[in-house]
Amino acid sequence: MVHWMLRSVTLQEVLNFKCFLPTVYNFLWFYLKAAKANENMEKTAKYLAVLTLMGHQQLCYWPSTVAAALVIIASIATDQDAFSHLAMKV
């Protein structure tokens, strides 16, 4: 297994490939698209995402979970409740 990891690192260096951990913003884009969010809902969700960066308490949650919660909160705040009810059923 170590041999495979060394090959992987070498390949990444040769190809100048950068691996990044997914962030709340990556998932937020996906969930907003799935929610068919309008511009107001998108701005609200992104604003809330910036606010979550200020509190270290949210760092214990997966970025996908935080993004899903932000889209639900933004949908309720902007009166687009249809998506939030659908997401809460799942």
C-alpha atoms as a PDB file:
ATOM      1  CA  MET A   1       0.000   0.000   0.000  1.00  0.00           C
ATOM      2  CA  VAL A   2       2.845   2.391   0.795  1.00  0.00           C
ATOM      3  CA  HIS A   3       4.301   1.707  -2.636  1.00  0.00           C
ATOM      4  CA  TRP A   4       1.002   2.714  -4.268  1.00  0.00           C
ATOM      5  CA  MET A   5       0.850   5.904  -2.223  1.00  0.00           C
ATOM      6  CA  LEU A   6       4.382   6.865  -3.252  1.00  0.00           C
ATOM      7  CA  ARG A   7       3.473   6.316  -6.904  1.00  0.00           C
ATOM      8  CA  SER A   8       0.374   8.433  -6.460  1.00  0.00           C
ATOM      9  CA  VAL A   9       2.344  11.303  -4.931  1.00  0.00           C
ATOM     10  CA  THR A  10       4.987  11.072  -7.668  1.00  0.00           C
ATOM     11  CA  LEU A  11       2.321  11.096 -10.373  1.00  0.00           C
ATOM     12  CA  GLN A  12       0.674  14.150  -8.822  1.00  0.00           C
ATOM     13  CA  GLU A  13       3.987  15.990  -8.719  1.00  0.00           C
ATOM     14  CA  VAL A  14       4.852  15.129 -12.329  1.00  0.00           C
ATOM     15  CA  LEU A  15       1.441  16.175 -13.632  1.00  0.00           C
ATOM     16  CA  ASN A  16       1.316  19.191 -11.304  1.00  0.00           C
ATOM     17  CA  PHE A  17      -2.007  17.863 -10.066  1.00  0.00           C
ATOM     18  CA  LYS A  18      -3.363  19.438  -6.931  1.00  0.00           C
ATOM     19  CA  CYS A  19      -5.770  17.618  -4.632  1.00  0.00           C
ATOM     20  CA  PHE A  20      -7.978  19.709  -2.413  1.00  0.00           C
ATOM     21  CA  LEU A  21     -10.421  18.731   0.252  1.00  0.00           C
ATOM     22  CA  PRO A  22     -13.996  19.583  -0.651  1.00  0.00           C
ATOM     23  CA  THR A  23     -15.324  22.637   1.121  1.00  0.00           C
ATOM     24  CA  VAL A  24     -18.775  23.821   2.062  1.00  0.00           C
ATOM     25  CA  TYR A  25     -18.740  25.984  -1.051  1.00  0.00           C
ATOM     26  CA  ASN A  26     -18.206  22.967  -3.336  1.00  0.00           C
ATOM     27  CA  PHE A  27     -21.239  21.206  -1.914  1.00  0.00           C
ATOM     28  CA  LEU A  28     -23.231  24.424  -1.754  1.00  0.00           C
ATOM     29  CA  TRP A  29     -22.955  24.811  -5.513  1.00  0.00           C
ATOM     30  CA  PHE A  30     -24.327  21.300  -6.020  1.00  0.00           C
ATOM     31  CA  TYR A  31     -27.190  21.637  -3.530  1.00  0.00           C
ATOM     32  CA  LEU A  32     -28.247  25.047  -4.837  1.00  0.00           C
ATOM     33  CA  LYS A  33     -28.400  23.621  -8.327  1.00  0.00           C
ATOM     34  CA  ALA A  34     -30.483  20.677  -7.089  1.00  0.00           C
ATOM     35  CA  ALA A  35     -32.815  23.065  -5.261  1.00  0.00           C
ATOM     36  CA  LYS A  36     -33.270  25.170  -8.409  1.00  0.00           C
ATOM     37  CA  ALA A  37     -32.417  28.187  -6.290  1.00  0.00           C
ATOM     38  CA  ASN A  38     -33.118  31.687  -7.478  1.00  0.00           C
ATOM     39  CA  GLU A  39     -30.549  34.469  -7.114  1.00  0.00           C
ATOM     40  CA  ASN A  40     -31.875  35.627  -3.744  1.00  0.00           C
ATOM     41  CA  MET A  41     -31.709  32.146  -2.234  1.00  0.00           C
ATOM     42  CA  GLU A  42     -28.202  31.659  -3.635  1.00  0.00           C
ATOM     43  CA  LYS A  43     -26.964  34.924  -2.126  1.00  0.00           C
ATOM     44  CA  THR A  44     -28.525  34.066   1.230  1.00  0.00           C
ATOM     45  CA  ALA A  45     -26.925  30.611   1.305  1.00  0.00           C
ATOM     46  CA  LYS A  46     -23.506  31.991   0.369  1.00  0.00           C
ATOM     47  CA  TYR A  47     -23.791  34.695   3.026  1.00  0.00           C
ATOM     48  CA  LEU A  48     -24.646  32.078   5.632  1.00  0.00           C
ATOM     49  CA  ALA A  49     -21.690  29.980   4.455  1.00  0.00           C
ATOM     50  CA  VAL A  50     -19.355  32.890   5.138  1.00  0.00           C
ATOM     51  CA  LEU A  51     -20.855  33.273   8.604  1.00  0.00           C
ATOM     52  CA  THR A  52     -20.186  29.609   9.399  1.00  0.00           C
ATOM     53  CA  LEU A  53     -16.483  30.204   8.816  1.00  0.00           C
ATOM     54  CA  MET A  54     -16.430  32.581  11.765  1.00  0.00           C
ATOM     55  CA  GLY A  55     -17.418  29.910  14.273  1.00  0.00           C
ATOM     56  CA  HIS A  56     -15.008  27.089  14.951  1.00  0.00           C
ATOM     57  CA  GLN A  57     -17.842  24.960  16.337  1.00  0.00           C
ATOM     58  CA  GLN A  58     -19.048  24.135  12.801  1.00  0.00           C
ATOM     59  CA  LEU A  59     -15.693  22.618  11.823  1.00  0.00           C
ATOM     60  CA  CYS A  60     -16.671  19.332  13.492  1.00  0.00           C
ATOM     61  CA  TYR A  61     -19.395  18.755  10.857  1.00  0.00           C
ATOM     62  CA  TRP A  62     -18.853  17.422   7.342  1.00  0.00           C
ATOM     63  CA  PRO A  63     -18.877  20.175   4.692  1.00  0.00           C
ATOM     64  CA  SER A  64     -21.698  18.384   2.854  1.00  0.00           C
ATOM     65  CA  THR A  65     -23.855  18.432   5.996  1.00  0.00           C
ATOM     66  CA  VAL A  66     -23.242  22.127   6.608  1.00  0.00           C
ATOM     67  CA  ALA A  67     -24.002  22.962   2.960  1.00  0.00           C
ATOM     68  CA  ALA A  68     -27.256  20.985   3.036  1.00  0.00           C
ATOM     69  CA  ALA A  69     -28.330  22.772   6.213  1.00  0.00           C
ATOM     70  CA  LEU A  70     -27.467  26.160   4.698  1.00  0.00           C
ATOM     71  CA  VAL A  71     -29.587  25.483   1.618  1.00  0.00           C
ATOM     72  CA  ILE A  72     -32.518  24.386   3.776  1.00  0.00           C
ATOM     73  CA  ILE A  73     -32.222  27.513   5.944  1.00  0.00           C
ATOM     74  CA  ALA A  74     -31.861  29.751   2.885  1.00  0.00           C
ATOM     75  CA  SER A  75     -34.884  28.149   1.212  1.00  0.00           C
ATOM     76  CA  ILE A  76     -37.022  28.782   4.287  1.00  0.00           C
ATOM     77  CA  ALA A  77     -35.695  32.340   4.674  1.00  0.00           C
ATOM     78  CA  THR A  78     -36.490  33.184   1.043  1.00  0.00           C
ATOM     79  CA  ASP A  79     -39.920  31.498   1.044  1.00  0.00           C
ATOM     80  CA  GLN A  80     -38.858  28.662  -1.247  1.00  0.00           C
ATOM     81  CA  ASP A  81     -40.020  26.031   1.209  1.00  0.00           C
ATOM     82  CA  ALA A  82     -40.667  23.311  -1.384  1.00  0.00           C
ATOM     83  CA  PHE A  83     -37.047  22.187  -1.428  1.00  0.00           C
ATOM     84  CA  SER A  84     -36.648  22.296   2.349  1.00  0.00           C
ATOM     85  CA  HIS A  85     -39.663  20.024   2.869  1.00  0.00           C
ATOM     86  CA  LEU A  86     -38.360  17.597   0.266  1.00  0.00           C
ATOM     87  CA  ALA A  87     -34.883  17.548   1.796  1.00  0.00           C
ATOM     88  CA  MET A  88     -36.198  17.028   5.327  1.00  0.00           C
ATOM     89  CA  LYS A  89     -38.228  13.987   4.229  1.00  0.00           C
ATOM     90  CA  VAL A  90     -35.071  12.296   2.977  1.00  0.00           C
END
